[in-house]
Each structure stands twice: as structure tokens, then as C-alpha cells.
């Protein structure tokens, strides 16, 4: 299998099912991108169509933040529907340092 492209912004299709959780999606993205799962973070669900980048008929175009949503939340409860675009970040270090870990610049 070919490795995912190493660039700052890329899209790929991923089939998800209503009972699937954000944790499961994170695991799939981690595997596909060959990136540590702890550094994969769900950021947003948008009203954009993943296939065309355009607005889905009858759907909103705004983004809904996923940063504070439990990773045990099911796809169905988050309003993630067919052809919905999800935005995940692949970071070089955790967004929120662990308790007791040295602080990075910009974190207190």
C-alpha cells in the first residue's frame, strides 16, 4: 500500500457508519496517514460535500467544531451524514500538554 502524501492539506474518502465513533475514525486516519493516533485531532464537520467541495443541497455551509466533542460520540449523534466533509488535524505534538508535562511556548 502506498503511503499517504506528506503535505499540509490533502483530502481522501473514508467510509463511516452511523454507530462508528470519532475514536474509530481517528484510528483509521492514523493508520492511513501513518501518524500517531494521539496526534490526530477531529477539528470540524462542515456542510461541504467531500466529493465536490461544494454545498450539499438543503444543507448548511457552516462548520461545526468537533474539538470539544467526546471521542466516544457516534457519527449519527454528531450529524455526520453521507458525503459530509470532516476536518482532522495531524499535529507534531499534542494540542493540550498532559498534566505534569513541561509546558510548550504559548501554553500556560
Protein backbone atom coordinates (compact mmCIF):
# COMPACT_ATOMS: atom_id res chain seq x y z
CA UNK A 1 0.00 0.00 0.00
CA UNK A 2 1.25 3.45 -0.90
CA UNK A 3 1.86 5.92 1.93
CA UNK A 4 -0.38 8.96 2.25
CA UNK A 5 1.05 12.13 0.70
CA UNK A 6 3.22 14.27 3.02
CA UNK A 7 1.73 17.72 2.51
CA UNK A 8 -0.03 20.28 4.65
CA UNK A 9 -3.52 19.86 3.17
CA UNK A 10 -4.99 16.84 1.44
CA UNK A 11 -8.35 15.08 1.16
CA UNK A 12 -9.31 11.44 0.96
CA UNK A 13 -12.54 9.48 1.20
CA UNK A 14 -13.32 7.35 4.22
CA UNK A 15 -16.49 5.31 4.67
CA UNK A 16 -18.02 5.66 8.12
CA UNK A 17 -21.18 4.16 9.58
CA UNK A 18 -23.76 5.67 12.00
CA UNK A 19 -22.71 3.66 15.10
CA UNK A 20 -19.00 4.35 14.49
CA UNK A 21 -17.25 6.68 16.95
CA UNK A 22 -14.82 9.56 16.47
CA UNK A 23 -12.19 7.32 18.11
CA UNK A 24 -12.66 4.76 15.38
CA UNK A 25 -12.37 7.42 12.67
CA UNK A 26 -9.20 8.75 14.36
CA UNK A 27 -7.73 5.23 14.30
CA UNK A 28 -8.50 4.84 10.60
CA UNK A 29 -6.95 8.21 9.77
CA UNK A 30 -3.91 7.42 11.92
CA UNK A 31 -3.39 4.17 10.03
CA UNK A 32 -3.98 5.69 6.57
CA UNK A 33 -1.64 8.62 7.22
CA UNK A 34 0.92 6.61 9.20
CA UNK A 35 0.67 9.18 12.01
CA UNK A 36 0.47 8.58 15.80
CA UNK A 37 -3.18 8.35 16.88
CA UNK A 38 -2.55 10.65 19.87
CA UNK A 39 -1.65 13.41 17.41
CA UNK A 40 -4.77 13.03 15.23
CA UNK A 41 -7.45 15.50 16.31
CA UNK A 42 -11.00 15.98 14.99
CA UNK A 43 -11.49 19.67 14.26
CA UNK A 44 -14.76 20.24 12.39
CA UNK A 45 -17.74 18.88 10.48
CA UNK A 46 -18.67 21.05 7.55
CA UNK A 47 -21.67 21.44 5.25
CA UNK A 48 -19.39 21.00 2.26
CA UNK A 49 -19.64 17.97 0.03
CA UNK A 50 -16.48 15.90 0.34
CA UNK A 51 -16.59 14.88 -3.32
CA UNK A 52 -17.11 18.28 -4.97
CA UNK A 53 -16.17 20.76 -2.26
CA UNK A 54 -19.49 22.49 -2.90
CA UNK A 55 -22.57 22.91 -0.76
CA UNK A 56 -24.90 19.94 -0.43
CA UNK A 57 -28.46 20.82 -1.50
CA UNK A 58 -30.57 21.80 1.50
CA UNK A 59 -27.62 21.64 3.90
CA UNK A 60 -25.82 24.35 5.85
CA UNK A 61 -22.40 25.57 4.75
CA UNK A 62 -21.12 26.41 8.21
CA UNK A 63 -18.65 24.33 10.16
CA UNK A 64 -19.42 22.68 13.48
CA UNK A 65 -16.49 22.34 15.85
CA UNK A 66 -15.55 18.82 16.94
CA UNK A 67 -12.72 19.89 19.25
CA UNK A 68 -14.76 19.63 22.46
CA UNK A 69 -16.85 16.59 21.47
CA UNK A 70 -16.25 13.27 23.23
CA UNK A 71 -14.28 10.87 21.06
CA UNK A 72 -16.80 8.21 22.12
CA UNK A 73 -19.57 10.12 20.29
CA UNK A 74 -21.27 8.23 17.47
CA UNK A 75 -21.30 9.51 13.90
CA UNK A 76 -25.13 9.51 13.90
CA UNK A 77 -25.33 11.74 17.01
CA UNK A 78 -22.91 14.27 15.50
CA UNK A 79 -24.94 14.83 12.34
CA UNK A 80 -22.27 13.30 10.14
CA UNK A 81 -24.14 12.15 7.06
CA UNK A 82 -23.37 10.80 3.60
CA UNK A 83 -20.69 12.76 1.72
CA UNK A 84 -20.13 15.12 4.66
CA UNK A 85 -16.65 16.60 4.90
CA UNK A 86 -14.78 16.15 8.18
CA UNK A 87 -11.65 18.10 9.06
CA UNK A 88 -8.94 16.44 11.16
CA UNK A 89 -5.58 17.84 12.16
CA UNK A 90 -2.38 15.79 12.21
CA UNK A 91 -0.08 17.52 14.66
CA UNK A 92 3.59 17.19 15.56
CA UNK A 93 2.84 17.47 19.28
CA UNK A 94 -0.33 17.26 21.38
CA UNK A 95 -2.57 20.34 21.29
CA UNK A 96 -3.05 20.20 25.05
CA UNK A 97 0.00 19.16 27.07
CA UNK A 98 -0.51 16.34 29.54
CA UNK A 99 -0.78 17.18 33.21
CA UNK A 100 2.71 17.26 34.67
CA UNK A 101 4.39 17.55 31.27
CA UNK A 102 6.65 20.53 30.58
CA UNK A 103 4.75 23.41 29.01
CA UNK A 104 5.42 24.48 25.44
CA UNK A 105 5.66 28.13 24.48
CA UNK A 106 2.19 29.59 24.21
CA UNK A 107 0.71 27.21 26.79
CA UNK A 108 0.38 28.03 30.45
